[in-house]
């Protein structure tokens, strides 16, 4: 019985994609943590769209 050997290209590609996925997850978690801390501190900047929506609600 002959076992198929995975090529090093496939292993390297898998490793690269895994590292990129973990890096992306780390960025998302750190950004979420930043936003939550800013909201809790009351210093989170609203986007212009949010401010326009608030002014429309005030005018009603």
PDB file of N, CA and C in Angstrom:
ATOM      1  N   UNK A   1       0.854  -1.172   0.000  1.00  0.00           N
ATOM      2  CA  UNK A   1       0.000   0.000   0.000  1.00  0.00           C
ATOM      3  C   UNK A   1       0.903   1.240   0.000  1.00  0.00           C
ATOM      4  N   UNK A   2       0.612   2.178  -0.880  1.00  0.00           N
ATOM      5  CA  UNK A   2       1.396   3.399  -0.994  1.00  0.00           C
ATOM      6  C   UNK A   2       0.597   4.545  -0.378  1.00  0.00           C
ATOM      7  N   UNK A   3       1.196   5.189   0.596  1.00  0.00           N
ATOM      8  CA  UNK A   3       0.542   6.344   1.207  1.00  0.00           C
ATOM      9  C   UNK A   3       0.938   7.599   0.444  1.00  0.00           C
ATOM     10  N   UNK A   4      -0.013   8.462   0.223  1.00  0.00           N
ATOM     11  CA  UNK A   4       0.275   9.706  -0.483  1.00  0.00           C
ATOM     12  C   UNK A   4       0.913  10.699   0.476  1.00  0.00           C
ATOM     13  N   UNK A   5       2.010  11.266   0.070  1.00  0.00           N
ATOM     14  CA  UNK A   5       2.710  12.258   0.877  1.00  0.00           C
ATOM     15  C   UNK A   5       2.209  13.650   0.500  1.00  0.00           C
ATOM     16  N   UNK A   6       1.770  14.441   1.461  1.00  0.00           N
ATOM     17  CA  UNK A   6       1.357  15.803   1.116  1.00  0.00           C
ATOM     18  C   UNK A   6       2.577  16.616   0.688  1.00  0.00           C
ATOM     19  N   UNK A   7       2.387  17.429  -0.304  1.00  0.00           N
ATOM     20  CA  UNK A   7       3.511  18.241  -0.775  1.00  0.00           C
ATOM     21  C   UNK A   7       3.798  19.356   0.226  1.00  0.00           C
ATOM     22  N   UNK A   8       5.011  19.848   0.209  1.00  0.00           N
ATOM     23  CA  UNK A   8       5.368  20.917   1.141  1.00  0.00           C
ATOM     24  C   UNK A   8       4.628  22.204   0.805  1.00  0.00           C
ATOM     25  N   UNK A   9       4.266  22.381  -0.477  1.00  0.00           N
ATOM     26  CA  UNK A   9       3.508  23.580  -0.854  1.00  0.00           C
ATOM     27  C   UNK A   9       2.170  23.630  -0.131  1.00  0.00           C
ATOM     28  N   UNK A  10       1.493  22.495  -0.089  1.00  0.00           N
ATOM     29  CA  UNK A  10       0.185  22.449   0.570  1.00  0.00           C
ATOM     30  C   UNK A  10       0.344  22.712   2.064  1.00  0.00           C
ATOM     31  N   UNK A  11       1.378  22.149   2.662  1.00  0.00           N
ATOM     32  CA  UNK A  11       1.603  22.380   4.093  1.00  0.00           C
ATOM     33  C   UNK A  11       1.937  23.838   4.371  1.00  0.00           C
ATOM     34  N   UNK A  12       2.778  24.428   3.529  1.00  0.00           N
ATOM     35  CA  UNK A  12       3.133  25.834   3.715  1.00  0.00           C
ATOM     36  C   UNK A  12       1.931  26.741   3.499  1.00  0.00           C
ATOM     37  N   UNK A  13       1.115  26.415   2.513  1.00  0.00           N
ATOM     38  CA  UNK A  13      -0.096  27.201   2.265  1.00  0.00           C
ATOM     39  C   UNK A  13      -1.046  27.099   3.456  1.00  0.00           C
ATOM     40  N   UNK A  14      -1.205  25.906   3.987  1.00  0.00           N
ATOM     41  CA  UNK A  14      -2.054  25.716   5.165  1.00  0.00           C
ATOM     42  C   UNK A  14      -1.548  26.491   6.363  1.00  0.00           C
ATOM     43  N   UNK A  15      -0.234  26.464   6.554  1.00  0.00           N
ATOM     44  CA  UNK A  15       0.362  27.211   7.663  1.00  0.00           C
ATOM     45  C   UNK A  15       0.151  28.711   7.485  1.00  0.00           C
ATOM     46  N   UNK A  16       0.372  29.200   6.277  1.00  0.00           N
ATOM     47  CA  UNK A  16       0.184  30.625   5.998  1.00  0.00           C
ATOM     48  C   UNK A  16      -1.266  31.049   6.234  1.00  0.00           C
ATOM     49  N   UNK A  17      -2.208  30.268   5.742  1.00  0.00           N
ATOM     50  CA  UNK A  17      -3.625  30.612   5.928  1.00  0.00           C
ATOM     51  C   UNK A  17      -4.025  30.553   7.400  1.00  0.00           C
ATOM     52  N   UNK A  18      -3.467  29.606   8.137  1.00  0.00           N
ATOM     53  CA  UNK A  18      -3.758  29.509   9.568  1.00  0.00           C
ATOM     54  C   UNK A  18      -3.242  30.733  10.317  1.00  0.00           C
ATOM     55  N   UNK A  19      -2.018  31.141  10.006  1.00  0.00           N
ATOM     56  CA  UNK A  19      -1.440  32.323  10.657  1.00  0.00           C
ATOM     57  C   UNK A  19      -2.244  33.570  10.308  1.00  0.00           C
ATOM     58  N   UNK A  20      -2.656  33.701   9.048  1.00  0.00           N
ATOM     59  CA  UNK A  20      -3.473  34.856   8.649  1.00  0.00           C
ATOM     60  C   UNK A  20      -4.820  34.862   9.366  1.00  0.00           C
ATOM     61  N   UNK A  21      -5.432  33.691   9.514  1.00  0.00           N
ATOM     62  CA  UNK A  21      -6.723  33.608  10.200  1.00  0.00           C
ATOM     63  C   UNK A  21      -6.585  34.003  11.670  1.00  0.00           C
ATOM     64  N   UNK A  22      -5.546  33.504  12.337  1.00  0.00           N
ATOM     65  CA  UNK A  22      -5.328  33.865  13.739  1.00  0.00           C
ATOM     66  C   UNK A  22      -5.017  35.347  13.881  1.00  0.00           C
ATOM     67  N   UNK A  23      -4.245  35.892  12.950  1.00  0.00           N
ATOM     68  CA  UNK A  23      -3.945  37.324  12.977  1.00  0.00           C
ATOM     69  C   UNK A  23      -5.203  38.158  12.804  1.00  0.00           C
ATOM     70  N   UNK A  24      -6.066  37.747  11.879  1.00  0.00           N
ATOM     71  CA  UNK A  24      -7.332  38.452  11.673  1.00  0.00           C
ATOM     72  C   UNK A  24      -8.216  38.385  12.901  1.00  0.00           C
ATOM     73  N   UNK A  25      -8.277  37.219  13.517  1.00  0.00           N
ATOM     74  CA  UNK A  25      -9.069  37.067  14.737  1.00  0.00           C
ATOM     75  C   UNK A  25      -8.533  37.961  15.851  1.00  0.00           C
ATOM     76  N   UNK A  26      -7.220  38.037  15.970  1.00  0.00           N
ATOM     77  CA  UNK A  26      -6.601  38.892  16.979  1.00  0.00           C
ATOM     78  C   UNK A  26      -6.960  40.360  16.756  1.00  0.00           C
ATOM     79  N   UNK A  27      -6.933  40.803  15.506  1.00  0.00           N
ATOM     80  CA  UNK A  27      -7.287  42.193  15.185  1.00  0.00           C
ATOM     81  C   UNK A  27      -8.743  42.471  15.559  1.00  0.00           C
ATOM     82  N   UNK A  28      -9.637  41.548  15.228  1.00  0.00           N
ATOM     83  CA  UNK A  28     -11.062  41.734  15.537  1.00  0.00           C
ATOM     84  C   UNK A  28     -11.283  41.801  17.048  1.00  0.00           C
ATOM     85  N   UNK A  29     -10.652  40.914  17.787  1.00  0.00           N
ATOM     86  CA  UNK A  29     -10.826  40.896  19.245  1.00  0.00           C
ATOM     87  C   UNK A  29     -10.271  42.171  19.879  1.00  0.00           C
ATOM     88  N   UNK A  30      -9.084  42.593  19.445  1.00  0.00           N
ATOM     89  CA  UNK A  30      -8.497  43.806  20.019  1.00  0.00           C
ATOM     90  C   UNK A  30      -9.312  45.046  19.669  1.00  0.00           C
ATOM     91  N   UNK A  31      -9.833  45.118  18.457  1.00  0.00           N
ATOM     92  CA  UNK A  31     -10.667  46.261  18.083  1.00  0.00           C
ATOM     93  C   UNK A  31     -11.962  46.259  18.899  1.00  0.00           C
ATOM     94  N   UNK A  32     -12.569  45.103  19.067  1.00  0.00           N
ATOM     95  CA  UNK A  32     -13.781  45.007  19.870  1.00  0.00           C
ATOM     96  C   UNK A  32     -13.543  45.427  21.306  1.00  0.00           C
ATOM     97  N   UNK A  33     -12.409  45.018  21.848  1.00  0.00           N
ATOM     98  CA  UNK A  33     -12.063  45.400  23.210  1.00  0.00           C
ATOM     99  C   UNK A  33     -11.889  46.919  23.316  1.00  0.00           C
ATOM    100  N   UNK A  34     -11.223  47.509  22.311  1.00  0.00           N
ATOM    101  CA  UNK A  34     -11.018  48.964  22.274  1.00  0.00           C
ATOM    102  C   UNK A  34     -12.364  49.694  22.250  1.00  0.00           C
ATOM    103  N   UNK A  35     -13.267  49.246  21.384  1.00  0.00           N
ATOM    104  CA  UNK A  35     -14.569  49.909  21.254  1.00  0.00           C
ATOM    105  C   UNK A  35     -15.357  49.793  22.550  1.00  0.00           C
ATOM    106  N   UNK A  36     -15.369  48.615  23.149  1.00  0.00           N
ATOM    107  CA  UNK A  36     -16.116  48.421  24.395  1.00  0.00           C
ATOM    108  C   UNK A  36     -15.556  49.312  25.501  1.00  0.00           C
ATOM    109  N   UNK A  37     -14.233  49.406  25.595  1.00  0.00           N
ATOM    110  CA  UNK A  37     -13.634  50.272  26.618  1.00  0.00           C
ATOM    111  C   UNK A  37     -13.968  51.739  26.378  1.00  0.00           C
ATOM    112  N   UNK A  38     -13.966  52.173  25.118  1.00  0.00           N
ATOM    113  CA  UNK A  38     -14.282  53.572  24.794  1.00  0.00           C
ATOM    114  C   UNK A  38     -15.753  53.872  25.082  1.00  0.00           C
ATOM    115  N   UNK A  39     -16.636  52.948  24.769  1.00  0.00           N
ATOM    116  CA  UNK A  39     -18.062  53.155  25.055  1.00  0.00           C
ATOM    117  C   UNK A  39     -18.268  53.244  26.566  1.00  0.00           C
ATOM    118  N   UNK A  40     -17.621  52.360  27.314  1.00  0.00           N
ATOM    119  CA  UNK A  40     -17.756  52.369  28.775  1.00  0.00           C
ATOM    120  C   UNK A  40     -17.222  53.665  29.370  1.00  0.00           C
ATOM    121  N   UNK A  41     -16.165  54.205  28.771  1.00  0.00           N
ATOM    122  CA  UNK A  41     -15.582  55.455  29.271  1.00  0.00           C
ATOM    123  C   UNK A  41     -16.358  56.674  28.780  1.00  0.00           C
ATOM    124  N   UNK A  42     -17.245  56.475  27.809  1.00  0.00           N
ATOM    125  CA  UNK A  42     -18.026  57.586  27.273  1.00  0.00           C
ATOM    126  C   UNK A  42     -17.269  58.446  26.286  1.00  0.00           C
ATOM    127  N   UNK A  43     -16.171  57.943  25.749  1.00  0.00           N
ATOM    128  CA  UNK A  43     -15.360  58.742  24.826  1.00  0.00           C
ATOM    129  C   UNK A  43     -15.396  58.209  23.403  1.00  0.00           C
ATOM    130  N   UNK A  44     -16.288  57.270  23.127  1.00  0.00           N
ATOM    131  CA  UNK A  44     -16.342  56.693  21.779  1.00  0.00           C
ATOM    132  C   UNK A  44     -16.956  57.704  20.818  1.00  0.00           C
ATOM    133  N   UNK A  45     -16.277  57.976  19.708  1.00  0.00           N
ATOM    134  CA  UNK A  45     -16.752  58.937  18.712  1.00  0.00           C
ATOM    135  C   UNK A  45     -17.809  58.284  17.827  1.00  0.00           C
ATOM    136  N   UNK A  46     -18.965  58.904  17.743  1.00  0.00           N
ATOM    137  CA  UNK A  46     -19.998  58.409  16.831  1.00  0.00           C
ATOM    138  C   UNK A  46     -19.638  58.779  15.405  1.00  0.00           C
ATOM    139  N   UNK A  47     -20.129  57.995  14.480  1.00  0.00           N
ATOM    140  CA  UNK A  47     -19.884  58.306  13.071  1.00  0.00           C
ATOM    141  C   UNK A  47     -20.803  59.437  12.644  1.00  0.00           C
ATOM    142  N   UNK A  48     -20.488  60.144  11.568  1.00  0.00           N
ATOM    143  CA  UNK A  48     -21.367  61.220  11.091  1.00  0.00           C
ATOM    144  C   UNK A  48     -22.791  60.735  10.816  1.00  0.00           C
ATOM    145  N   UNK A  49     -22.946  59.509  10.351  1.00  0.00           N
ATOM    146  CA  UNK A  49     -24.287  58.980  10.084  1.00  0.00           C
ATOM    147  C   UNK A  49     -25.087  58.869  11.380  1.00  0.00           C
ATOM    148  N   UNK A  50     -24.438  58.436  12.455  1.00  0.00           N
ATOM    149  CA  UNK A  50     -25.116  58.340  13.746  1.00  0.00           C
ATOM    150  C   UNK A  50     -25.528  59.720  14.247  1.00  0.00           C
ATOM    151  N   UNK A  51     -24.670  60.716  14.066  1.00  0.00           N
ATOM    152  CA  UNK A  51     -24.984  62.068  14.513  1.00  0.00           C
ATOM    153  C   UNK A  51     -26.130  62.663  13.702  1.00  0.00           C
ATOM    154  N   UNK A  52     -26.173  62.394  12.400  1.00  0.00           N
ATOM    155  CA  UNK A  52     -27.268  62.886  11.563  1.00  0.00           C
ATOM    156  C   UNK A  52     -28.583  62.248  11.989  1.00  0.00           C
ATOM    157  N   UNK A  53     -28.538  60.972  12.321  1.00  0.00           N
ATOM    158  CA  UNK A  53     -29.746  60.275  12.759  1.00  0.00           C
ATOM    159  C   UNK A  53     -30.245  60.854  14.084  1.00  0.00           C
ATOM    160  N   UNK A  54     -29.328  61.172  14.985  1.00  0.00           N
ATOM    161  CA  UNK A  54     -29.721  61.762  16.268  1.00  0.00           C
ATOM    162  C   UNK A  54     -30.352  63.133  16.070  1.00  0.00           C
ATOM    163  N   UNK A  55     -29.802  63.944  15.158  1.00  0.00           N
ATOM    164  CA  UNK A  55     -30.355  65.277  14.931  1.00  0.00           C
ATOM    165  C   UNK A  55     -31.732  65.180  14.285  1.00  0.00           C
ATOM    166  N   UNK A  56     -31.958  64.166  13.444  1.00  0.00           N
ATOM    167  CA  UNK A  56     -33.286  63.972  12.853  1.00  0.00           C
ATOM    168  C   UNK A  56     -34.296  63.606  13.927  1.00  0.00           C
ATOM    169  N   UNK A  57     -33.892  62.786  14.886  1.00  0.00           N
ATOM    170  CA  UNK A  57     -34.804  62.398  15.954  1.00  0.00           C
ATOM    171  C   UNK A  57     -35.112  63.590  16.853  1.00  0.00           C
ATOM    172  N   UNK A  58     -34.161  64.494  17.047  1.00  0.00           N
ATOM    173  CA  UNK A  58     -34.383  65.697  17.851  1.00  0.00           C
ATOM    174  C   UNK A  58     -35.390  66.622  17.181  1.00  0.00           C
ATOM    175  N   UNK A  59     -35.360  66.698  15.853  1.00  0.00           N
ATOM    176  CA  UNK A  59     -36.237  67.609  15.122  1.00  0.00           C
ATOM    177  C   UNK A  59     -37.683  67.145  15.133  1.00  0.00           C
ATOM    178  N   UNK A  60     -37.925  65.882  15.389  1.00  0.00           N
ATOM    179  CA  UNK A  60     -39.303  65.353  15.365  1.00  0.00           C
ATOM    180  C   UNK A  60     -40.108  65.791  16.545  1.00  0.00           C
TER     181      UNK A  60
END
